[in-house]
N, C-alpha and C. Protein backbone atom coordinates (compact mmCIF):
# COMPACT_ATOMS: atom_id res chain seq x y z
N UNK A 1 -106.86 85.29 -60.74
CA UNK A 1 -107.67 84.07 -60.82
C UNK A 1 -107.40 83.22 -59.58
N UNK A 2 -108.44 82.65 -59.04
CA UNK A 2 -108.33 81.84 -57.82
C UNK A 2 -107.56 80.55 -58.10
N UNK A 3 -106.91 80.04 -57.08
CA UNK A 3 -106.14 78.79 -57.21
C UNK A 3 -107.03 77.64 -57.67
N UNK A 4 -108.31 77.67 -57.27
CA UNK A 4 -109.22 76.59 -57.64
C UNK A 4 -109.57 76.60 -59.14
N UNK A 5 -109.25 77.69 -59.84
CA UNK A 5 -109.51 77.76 -61.28
C UNK A 5 -108.47 77.01 -62.10
N UNK A 6 -107.36 76.62 -61.49
CA UNK A 6 -106.28 75.92 -62.20
C UNK A 6 -106.33 74.44 -61.89
N UNK A 7 -106.10 73.62 -62.92
CA UNK A 7 -106.01 72.18 -62.74
C UNK A 7 -104.65 71.76 -63.27
N UNK A 8 -103.82 71.25 -62.38
CA UNK A 8 -102.47 70.84 -62.74
C UNK A 8 -102.54 69.62 -63.66
N UNK A 9 -101.90 69.73 -64.81
CA UNK A 9 -101.95 68.66 -65.82
C UNK A 9 -100.60 68.00 -66.05
N UNK A 10 -99.51 68.64 -65.65
CA UNK A 10 -98.21 68.05 -65.91
C UNK A 10 -97.08 68.98 -65.52
N UNK A 11 -95.89 68.61 -66.02
CA UNK A 11 -94.69 69.38 -65.69
C UNK A 11 -93.69 69.21 -66.83
N UNK A 12 -92.96 70.28 -67.13
CA UNK A 12 -91.87 70.21 -68.11
C UNK A 12 -90.69 69.56 -67.40
N UNK A 13 -90.24 68.42 -67.94
CA UNK A 13 -89.20 67.65 -67.25
C UNK A 13 -87.90 67.50 -68.03
N UNK A 14 -87.88 67.94 -69.28
CA UNK A 14 -86.66 67.79 -70.05
C UNK A 14 -86.73 68.49 -71.39
N UNK A 15 -85.62 68.48 -72.07
CA UNK A 15 -85.53 69.06 -73.41
C UNK A 15 -85.51 67.92 -74.42
N UNK A 16 -86.02 68.22 -75.62
CA UNK A 16 -86.08 67.20 -76.67
C UNK A 16 -85.61 67.84 -77.98
N UNK A 17 -84.45 67.46 -78.42
CA UNK A 17 -83.93 67.97 -79.68
C UNK A 17 -83.38 69.38 -79.58
N UNK A 18 -83.17 69.99 -80.74
CA UNK A 18 -82.51 71.29 -80.81
C UNK A 18 -83.45 72.44 -81.13
N UNK A 19 -84.71 72.16 -81.44
CA UNK A 19 -85.60 73.18 -81.96
C UNK A 19 -86.69 73.64 -80.99
N UNK A 20 -86.42 73.54 -79.69
CA UNK A 20 -87.33 74.10 -78.70
C UNK A 20 -88.38 73.15 -78.14
N UNK A 21 -88.32 71.88 -78.52
CA UNK A 21 -89.26 70.91 -77.97
C UNK A 21 -88.90 70.59 -76.53
N UNK A 22 -89.94 70.29 -75.73
CA UNK A 22 -89.72 69.90 -74.34
C UNK A 22 -90.42 68.58 -74.05
N UNK A 23 -89.85 67.84 -73.11
CA UNK A 23 -90.48 66.61 -72.62
C UNK A 23 -91.39 66.99 -71.46
N UNK A 24 -92.55 66.34 -71.41
CA UNK A 24 -93.55 66.67 -70.40
C UNK A 24 -93.98 65.40 -69.67
N UNK A 25 -94.06 65.50 -68.35
CA UNK A 25 -94.68 64.44 -67.56
C UNK A 25 -96.13 64.83 -67.41
N UNK A 26 -97.04 63.96 -67.85
CA UNK A 26 -98.48 64.26 -67.86
C UNK A 26 -99.20 63.56 -66.71
N UNK A 27 -100.09 64.31 -66.05
CA UNK A 27 -100.96 63.75 -65.01
C UNK A 27 -102.31 63.33 -65.59
N UNK A 28 -102.53 63.60 -66.88
CA UNK A 28 -103.82 63.30 -67.51
C UNK A 28 -104.02 61.79 -67.60
N UNK A 29 -105.26 61.40 -67.71
CA UNK A 29 -105.61 59.99 -67.89
C UNK A 29 -106.50 59.88 -69.12
N UNK A 30 -106.05 59.31 -70.21
CA UNK A 30 -104.72 58.74 -70.41
C UNK A 30 -103.67 59.84 -70.48
N UNK A 31 -102.43 59.46 -70.31
CA UNK A 31 -101.33 60.43 -70.27
C UNK A 31 -101.30 61.32 -71.51
N UNK A 32 -101.65 60.77 -72.66
CA UNK A 32 -101.64 61.54 -73.90
C UNK A 32 -102.77 62.57 -73.95
N UNK A 33 -103.70 62.51 -73.02
CA UNK A 33 -104.83 63.44 -72.99
C UNK A 33 -104.41 64.90 -72.86
N UNK A 34 -103.25 65.16 -72.32
CA UNK A 34 -102.77 66.54 -72.18
C UNK A 34 -102.59 67.20 -73.54
N UNK A 35 -102.38 66.39 -74.57
CA UNK A 35 -102.18 66.91 -75.92
C UNK A 35 -103.45 67.58 -76.44
N UNK A 36 -104.60 67.21 -75.93
CA UNK A 36 -105.88 67.73 -76.42
C UNK A 36 -106.18 69.16 -75.97
N UNK A 37 -105.38 69.72 -75.07
CA UNK A 37 -105.66 71.05 -74.53
C UNK A 37 -104.82 72.12 -75.21
N UNK A 38 -105.47 73.20 -75.60
CA UNK A 38 -104.79 74.37 -76.14
C UNK A 38 -105.73 75.55 -75.92
N UNK A 39 -105.34 76.56 -75.17
CA UNK A 39 -103.97 76.76 -74.72
C UNK A 39 -103.68 75.97 -73.45
N UNK A 40 -102.39 75.89 -73.16
CA UNK A 40 -101.92 75.41 -71.87
C UNK A 40 -101.36 76.61 -71.12
N UNK A 41 -101.20 76.46 -69.84
CA UNK A 41 -100.66 77.53 -69.01
C UNK A 41 -99.45 76.99 -68.28
N UNK A 42 -98.37 77.75 -68.32
CA UNK A 42 -97.14 77.38 -67.62
C UNK A 42 -96.94 78.31 -66.44
N UNK A 43 -96.52 77.75 -65.32
CA UNK A 43 -96.19 78.55 -64.16
C UNK A 43 -94.71 78.91 -64.25
N UNK A 44 -94.47 80.13 -64.72
CA UNK A 44 -93.10 80.61 -64.93
C UNK A 44 -92.80 81.65 -63.85
N UNK A 45 -91.87 81.32 -62.97
CA UNK A 45 -91.48 82.20 -61.86
C UNK A 45 -92.69 82.61 -61.02
N UNK A 46 -93.58 81.66 -60.75
CA UNK A 46 -94.72 81.90 -59.87
C UNK A 46 -95.91 82.57 -60.52
N UNK A 47 -95.87 82.76 -61.84
CA UNK A 47 -96.97 83.41 -62.55
C UNK A 47 -97.45 82.51 -63.68
N UNK A 48 -98.77 82.29 -63.74
CA UNK A 48 -99.34 81.48 -64.82
C UNK A 48 -99.35 82.29 -66.10
N UNK A 49 -98.76 81.72 -67.15
CA UNK A 49 -98.71 82.39 -68.46
C UNK A 49 -99.27 81.46 -69.52
N UNK A 50 -100.04 82.04 -70.42
CA UNK A 50 -100.62 81.30 -71.53
C UNK A 50 -99.52 80.95 -72.53
N UNK A 51 -99.51 79.69 -72.98
CA UNK A 51 -98.60 79.29 -74.05
C UNK A 51 -99.42 78.63 -75.15
N UNK A 52 -99.12 78.99 -76.37
CA UNK A 52 -99.78 78.40 -77.52
C UNK A 52 -99.03 77.13 -77.91
N UNK A 53 -99.77 76.07 -78.09
CA UNK A 53 -99.18 74.80 -78.48
C UNK A 53 -99.06 74.77 -80.01
N UNK A 54 -97.82 74.67 -80.49
CA UNK A 54 -97.62 74.49 -81.93
C UNK A 54 -97.87 73.04 -82.31
N UNK A 55 -97.37 72.15 -81.45
CA UNK A 55 -97.56 70.72 -81.69
C UNK A 55 -97.29 69.97 -80.39
N UNK A 56 -98.01 68.89 -80.22
CA UNK A 56 -97.78 67.98 -79.10
C UNK A 56 -97.98 66.57 -79.61
N UNK A 57 -97.19 65.64 -79.09
CA UNK A 57 -97.32 64.26 -79.56
C UNK A 57 -96.71 63.29 -78.55
N UNK A 58 -97.11 62.03 -78.71
CA UNK A 58 -96.49 60.95 -77.95
C UNK A 58 -95.15 60.67 -78.60
N UNK A 59 -94.11 60.56 -77.80
CA UNK A 59 -92.77 60.24 -78.30
C UNK A 59 -92.22 59.13 -77.43
N UNK A 60 -92.17 57.91 -77.97
CA UNK A 60 -91.75 56.77 -77.16
C UNK A 60 -92.75 56.56 -76.04
N UNK A 61 -92.27 56.53 -74.80
CA UNK A 61 -93.15 56.36 -73.64
C UNK A 61 -93.58 57.68 -73.03
N UNK A 62 -93.16 58.80 -73.63
CA UNK A 62 -93.45 60.10 -73.06
C UNK A 62 -94.24 61.00 -74.00
N UNK A 63 -94.34 62.25 -73.59
CA UNK A 63 -95.05 63.28 -74.34
C UNK A 63 -94.06 64.41 -74.59
N UNK A 64 -94.10 64.98 -75.81
CA UNK A 64 -93.28 66.14 -76.12
C UNK A 64 -94.17 67.24 -76.69
N UNK A 65 -93.77 68.49 -76.43
CA UNK A 65 -94.49 69.66 -76.92
C UNK A 65 -93.54 70.64 -77.55
N UNK A 66 -94.07 71.36 -78.52
CA UNK A 66 -93.40 72.51 -79.11
C UNK A 66 -94.32 73.69 -78.86
N UNK A 67 -93.85 74.67 -78.07
CA UNK A 67 -94.64 75.85 -77.74
C UNK A 67 -94.19 77.03 -78.60
N UNK A 68 -95.13 77.86 -79.02
CA UNK A 68 -94.81 79.07 -79.80
C UNK A 68 -93.87 79.97 -79.00
N UNK A 69 -92.87 80.51 -79.68
CA UNK A 69 -91.93 81.43 -79.04
C UNK A 69 -90.73 80.75 -78.41
N UNK A 70 -90.72 79.46 -78.40
CA UNK A 70 -89.58 78.70 -77.86
C UNK A 70 -89.02 77.87 -79.00
N UNK A 71 -88.11 78.51 -79.75
CA UNK A 71 -87.68 77.93 -81.03
C UNK A 71 -86.32 77.26 -81.00
N UNK A 72 -85.65 77.28 -79.86
CA UNK A 72 -84.37 76.57 -79.77
C UNK A 72 -84.21 76.01 -78.36
N UNK A 73 -83.22 75.18 -78.23
CA UNK A 73 -82.97 74.47 -76.97
C UNK A 73 -82.73 75.44 -75.81
N UNK A 74 -82.01 76.55 -76.08
CA UNK A 74 -81.68 77.50 -75.01
C UNK A 74 -82.92 78.20 -74.47
N UNK A 75 -83.83 78.64 -75.34
CA UNK A 75 -85.04 79.32 -74.85
C UNK A 75 -85.96 78.32 -74.15
N UNK A 76 -86.03 77.10 -74.68
CA UNK A 76 -86.87 76.07 -74.07
C UNK A 76 -86.34 75.66 -72.69
N UNK A 77 -85.05 75.78 -72.47
CA UNK A 77 -84.46 75.41 -71.18
C UNK A 77 -85.04 76.24 -70.04
N UNK A 78 -85.53 77.44 -70.34
CA UNK A 78 -86.14 78.29 -69.31
C UNK A 78 -87.43 77.68 -68.77
N UNK A 79 -88.01 76.71 -69.49
CA UNK A 79 -89.27 76.09 -69.07
C UNK A 79 -89.08 74.87 -68.18
N UNK A 80 -87.85 74.40 -68.04
CA UNK A 80 -87.60 73.20 -67.23
C UNK A 80 -88.13 73.39 -65.81
N UNK A 81 -88.90 72.42 -65.36
CA UNK A 81 -89.46 72.45 -64.02
C UNK A 81 -90.78 73.19 -63.91
N UNK A 82 -91.24 73.84 -64.98
CA UNK A 82 -92.50 74.58 -64.93
C UNK A 82 -93.69 73.63 -64.87
N UNK A 83 -94.63 73.93 -63.97
CA UNK A 83 -95.88 73.19 -63.93
C UNK A 83 -96.74 73.61 -65.11
N UNK A 84 -97.55 72.67 -65.59
CA UNK A 84 -98.47 72.91 -66.70
C UNK A 84 -99.89 72.73 -66.17
N UNK A 85 -100.76 73.68 -66.52
CA UNK A 85 -102.14 73.60 -66.05
C UNK A 85 -103.10 74.00 -67.17
N UNK A 86 -104.36 73.71 -66.91
CA UNK A 86 -105.44 74.23 -67.74
C UNK A 86 -106.41 74.92 -66.79
N UNK A 87 -107.30 75.71 -67.36
CA UNK A 87 -108.34 76.33 -66.55
C UNK A 87 -109.46 75.31 -66.38
N UNK A 88 -110.07 75.32 -65.24
CA UNK A 88 -111.12 74.35 -64.91
C UNK A 88 -112.20 74.30 -66.00
N UNK A 89 -112.55 75.42 -66.58
CA UNK A 89 -113.61 75.44 -67.59
C UNK A 89 -113.20 74.72 -68.89
N UNK A 90 -111.92 74.41 -69.07
CA UNK A 90 -111.47 73.66 -70.23
C UNK A 90 -111.71 72.15 -70.09
N UNK A 91 -111.97 71.70 -68.88
CA UNK A 91 -112.15 70.27 -68.64
C UNK A 91 -113.51 69.81 -69.16
N UNK A 92 -113.56 68.57 -69.65
CA UNK A 92 -114.86 68.05 -70.10
C UNK A 92 -115.79 67.81 -68.91
N UNK A 93 -117.11 67.89 -69.15
CA UNK A 93 -118.05 67.61 -68.05
C UNK A 93 -117.96 66.15 -67.62
N UNK A 94 -118.28 65.91 -66.37
CA UNK A 94 -118.21 64.56 -65.81
C UNK A 94 -119.59 63.92 -65.76
N UNK A 95 -119.59 62.62 -65.83
CA UNK A 95 -120.83 61.86 -65.63
C UNK A 95 -121.16 61.84 -64.13
N UNK A 96 -122.40 61.53 -63.79
CA UNK A 96 -122.74 61.41 -62.37
C UNK A 96 -121.82 60.40 -61.68
N UNK A 97 -121.45 60.70 -60.45
CA UNK A 97 -120.57 59.86 -59.64
C UNK A 97 -119.15 59.78 -60.17
N UNK A 98 -118.76 60.71 -61.05
CA UNK A 98 -117.36 60.85 -61.45
C UNK A 98 -116.84 62.13 -60.83
N UNK A 99 -115.54 62.14 -60.49
CA UNK A 99 -114.95 63.29 -59.82
C UNK A 99 -113.55 63.51 -60.35
N UNK A 100 -113.16 64.76 -60.40
CA UNK A 100 -111.75 65.07 -60.63
C UNK A 100 -111.06 64.93 -59.28
N UNK A 101 -109.91 64.28 -59.27
CA UNK A 101 -109.20 64.05 -58.02
C UNK A 101 -108.98 65.34 -57.26
N UNK A 102 -108.68 66.40 -57.96
CA UNK A 102 -108.43 67.68 -57.31
C UNK A 102 -109.62 68.09 -56.43
N UNK A 103 -110.83 67.75 -56.87
CA UNK A 103 -112.02 68.12 -56.12
C UNK A 103 -112.18 67.30 -54.84
N UNK A 104 -111.55 66.14 -54.79
CA UNK A 104 -111.66 65.28 -53.61
C UNK A 104 -110.61 65.62 -52.56
N UNK A 105 -109.48 66.19 -52.99
CA UNK A 105 -108.41 66.53 -52.05
C UNK A 105 -108.91 67.58 -51.07
N UNK A 106 -108.67 67.32 -49.80
CA UNK A 106 -109.09 68.25 -48.76
C UNK A 106 -110.43 67.92 -48.13
N UNK A 107 -111.19 66.97 -48.71
CA UNK A 107 -112.46 66.58 -48.10
C UNK A 107 -112.22 65.92 -46.74
N UNK A 108 -113.13 66.18 -45.79
CA UNK A 108 -113.10 65.45 -44.52
C UNK A 108 -113.55 64.03 -44.78
N UNK A 109 -112.90 63.07 -44.15
CA UNK A 109 -113.27 61.66 -44.32
C UNK A 109 -113.86 61.18 -43.00
N UNK A 110 -115.12 60.69 -43.09
CA UNK A 110 -115.88 60.27 -41.92
C UNK A 110 -116.44 58.88 -42.20
N UNK A 111 -116.38 58.01 -41.19
CA UNK A 111 -116.95 56.67 -41.37
C UNK A 111 -118.47 56.74 -41.31
N UNK A 112 -119.12 55.67 -41.73
CA UNK A 112 -120.59 55.61 -41.67
C UNK A 112 -121.08 55.72 -40.23
N UNK A 113 -120.22 55.43 -39.26
CA UNK A 113 -120.57 55.54 -37.84
C UNK A 113 -120.22 56.91 -37.26
N UNK A 114 -119.74 57.83 -38.10
CA UNK A 114 -119.46 59.18 -37.65
C UNK A 114 -118.07 59.42 -37.10
N UNK A 115 -117.16 58.46 -37.26
CA UNK A 115 -115.80 58.63 -36.75
C UNK A 115 -114.98 59.41 -37.78
N UNK A 116 -114.38 60.52 -37.36
CA UNK A 116 -113.52 61.34 -38.22
C UNK A 116 -112.17 60.64 -38.40
N UNK A 117 -111.79 60.41 -39.67
CA UNK A 117 -110.51 59.77 -39.95
C UNK A 117 -109.43 60.76 -40.37
N UNK A 118 -109.84 61.94 -40.83
CA UNK A 118 -108.88 62.94 -41.30
C UNK A 118 -109.38 63.58 -42.58
N UNK A 119 -108.44 63.99 -43.42
CA UNK A 119 -108.80 64.62 -44.70
C UNK A 119 -108.08 63.92 -45.84
N UNK A 120 -108.67 64.02 -47.03
CA UNK A 120 -108.06 63.43 -48.23
C UNK A 120 -106.81 64.24 -48.56
N UNK A 121 -105.68 63.58 -48.48
CA UNK A 121 -104.40 64.23 -48.78
C UNK A 121 -104.12 64.15 -50.28
N UNK A 122 -104.34 62.98 -50.85
CA UNK A 122 -104.13 62.77 -52.28
C UNK A 122 -104.73 61.44 -52.67
N UNK A 123 -104.71 61.15 -53.97
CA UNK A 123 -105.16 59.86 -54.49
C UNK A 123 -104.07 59.34 -55.42
N UNK A 124 -104.04 58.02 -55.58
CA UNK A 124 -103.10 57.45 -56.56
C UNK A 124 -103.69 56.19 -57.14
N UNK A 125 -103.17 55.82 -58.30
CA UNK A 125 -103.64 54.64 -59.01
C UNK A 125 -102.86 53.41 -58.58
N UNK A 126 -103.55 52.29 -58.59
CA UNK A 126 -102.89 50.98 -58.49
C UNK A 126 -103.44 50.15 -59.63
N UNK A 127 -102.98 48.96 -59.78
CA UNK A 127 -103.49 48.12 -60.85
C UNK A 127 -104.95 47.74 -60.66
N UNK A 128 -105.37 47.58 -59.43
CA UNK A 128 -106.73 47.11 -59.16
C UNK A 128 -107.73 48.25 -59.04
N UNK A 129 -107.40 49.28 -58.29
CA UNK A 129 -108.31 50.40 -58.06
C UNK A 129 -107.51 51.60 -57.58
N UNK A 130 -108.15 52.75 -57.60
CA UNK A 130 -107.51 53.95 -57.06
C UNK A 130 -107.53 53.87 -55.53
N UNK A 131 -106.63 54.64 -54.91
CA UNK A 131 -106.50 54.63 -53.45
C UNK A 131 -106.54 56.06 -52.95
N UNK A 132 -107.28 56.27 -51.87
CA UNK A 132 -107.37 57.57 -51.20
C UNK A 132 -106.39 57.56 -50.03
N UNK A 133 -105.52 58.56 -49.97
CA UNK A 133 -104.60 58.72 -48.85
C UNK A 133 -105.26 59.72 -47.90
N UNK A 134 -105.54 59.24 -46.68
CA UNK A 134 -106.22 60.06 -45.68
C UNK A 134 -105.22 60.41 -44.59
N UNK A 135 -105.05 61.71 -44.35
CA UNK A 135 -104.13 62.19 -43.31
C UNK A 135 -104.96 62.59 -42.10
N UNK A 136 -104.65 61.97 -40.97
CA UNK A 136 -105.34 62.26 -39.72
C UNK A 136 -104.35 62.05 -38.59
N UNK A 137 -104.82 61.39 -37.51
CA UNK A 137 -103.88 61.10 -36.43
C UNK A 137 -102.80 60.13 -36.91
N UNK A 138 -103.11 59.45 -38.01
CA UNK A 138 -102.13 58.64 -38.75
C UNK A 138 -102.59 58.57 -40.20
N UNK A 139 -101.72 58.16 -41.07
CA UNK A 139 -102.09 58.07 -42.48
C UNK A 139 -102.78 56.74 -42.77
N UNK A 140 -103.87 56.81 -43.53
CA UNK A 140 -104.61 55.61 -43.93
C UNK A 140 -104.69 55.55 -45.44
N UNK A 141 -104.66 54.35 -45.98
CA UNK A 141 -104.85 54.11 -47.41
C UNK A 141 -106.18 53.39 -47.56
N UNK A 142 -107.13 54.05 -48.23
CA UNK A 142 -108.47 53.51 -48.37
C UNK A 142 -108.78 53.32 -49.84
N UNK A 143 -109.22 52.13 -50.24
CA UNK A 143 -109.54 51.90 -51.66
C UNK A 143 -110.70 52.78 -52.11
N UNK A 144 -110.56 53.38 -53.28
CA UNK A 144 -111.62 54.22 -53.83
C UNK A 144 -112.58 53.34 -54.61
N UNK A 145 -113.46 52.68 -53.87
CA UNK A 145 -114.47 51.80 -54.45
C UNK A 145 -115.84 52.38 -54.12
N UNK A 146 -116.38 53.14 -55.07
CA UNK A 146 -117.67 53.79 -54.84
C UNK A 146 -118.77 52.75 -54.71
N UNK A 147 -119.64 52.97 -53.72
CA UNK A 147 -120.74 52.06 -53.47
C UNK A 147 -120.37 50.93 -52.53
N UNK A 148 -119.08 50.67 -52.36
CA UNK A 148 -118.63 49.64 -51.42
C UNK A 148 -117.95 50.30 -50.22
N UNK A 149 -116.78 50.88 -50.45
CA UNK A 149 -116.03 51.53 -49.38
C UNK A 149 -116.40 53.02 -49.30
N UNK A 150 -116.44 53.67 -50.44
CA UNK A 150 -116.83 55.09 -50.50
C UNK A 150 -118.36 55.12 -50.65
N UNK A 151 -119.05 55.47 -49.57
CA UNK A 151 -120.50 55.38 -49.58
C UNK A 151 -121.18 56.69 -50.01
N UNK A 152 -120.50 57.82 -49.81
CA UNK A 152 -121.10 59.11 -50.18
C UNK A 152 -120.01 60.14 -50.33
N UNK A 153 -120.16 60.98 -51.35
CA UNK A 153 -119.27 62.13 -51.52
C UNK A 153 -120.16 63.36 -51.64
N UNK A 154 -119.94 64.32 -50.77
CA UNK A 154 -120.70 65.57 -50.79
C UNK A 154 -119.70 66.72 -50.91
N UNK A 155 -119.49 67.17 -52.15
CA UNK A 155 -118.53 68.24 -52.39
C UNK A 155 -118.97 69.54 -51.74
N UNK A 156 -120.26 69.81 -51.73
CA UNK A 156 -120.77 71.05 -51.13
C UNK A 156 -120.48 71.10 -49.64
N UNK A 157 -120.62 69.97 -48.95
CA UNK A 157 -120.36 69.90 -47.51
C UNK A 157 -118.90 69.59 -47.21
N UNK A 158 -118.14 69.18 -48.24
CA UNK A 158 -116.72 68.88 -48.05
C UNK A 158 -116.48 67.58 -47.30
N UNK A 159 -117.34 66.56 -47.56
CA UNK A 159 -117.25 65.31 -46.81
C UNK A 159 -117.25 64.10 -47.74
N UNK A 160 -116.40 63.15 -47.41
CA UNK A 160 -116.41 61.82 -48.04
C UNK A 160 -116.73 60.83 -46.92
N UNK A 161 -117.81 60.09 -47.10
CA UNK A 161 -118.20 59.09 -46.11
C UNK A 161 -117.70 57.73 -46.57
N UNK A 162 -117.13 56.97 -45.64
CA UNK A 162 -116.55 55.67 -45.98
C UNK A 162 -117.06 54.59 -45.03
N UNK A 163 -117.18 53.38 -45.57
CA UNK A 163 -117.49 52.21 -44.76
C UNK A 163 -116.15 51.54 -44.48
N UNK A 164 -115.50 51.99 -43.39
CA UNK A 164 -114.13 51.60 -43.12
C UNK A 164 -113.92 51.50 -41.62
N UNK A 165 -113.24 50.46 -41.20
CA UNK A 165 -112.93 50.26 -39.79
C UNK A 165 -111.84 51.25 -39.38
N UNK A 166 -112.09 52.12 -38.41
CA UNK A 166 -111.08 53.09 -37.98
C UNK A 166 -109.80 52.46 -37.46
N UNK A 167 -109.86 51.18 -37.08
CA UNK A 167 -108.65 50.50 -36.59
C UNK A 167 -107.66 50.21 -37.71
N UNK A 168 -108.12 50.21 -38.95
CA UNK A 168 -107.22 49.93 -40.08
C UNK A 168 -106.49 51.17 -40.50
């Protein structure tokens, strides 16, 4: 399966209790959204493997999972550090002008005047709006404000057009 078929959803970051539960850091929005997916796929020693979710829930400020076949703390310890993904086809459809961040990473970023700023390295959330990190001759942080700063996204052409002063 191609790398583009996988969407990273989280990571196993700890053990929880004695019966094989693991703590998970979720990249989903909301964070508890990762619980809605079954099956999940774990990257174990560089290979994606299907895992059946017996149960998943919010626990305090985090998320915990119990996977089939991992019935005690020792077997669950083998999952520490494993990335968690779903297949792209498991994701819900998006409304127009909505994007999965993964689809934006790697796009060329060009100003409305045709100046190349670099490529989308990653995105992150802030309290006010999301931010696009653009890697070029230097790193730029550009607010992800569609219709204002982000004027056009063309996934087919691999371009994000921005109304942004290259001096910033």
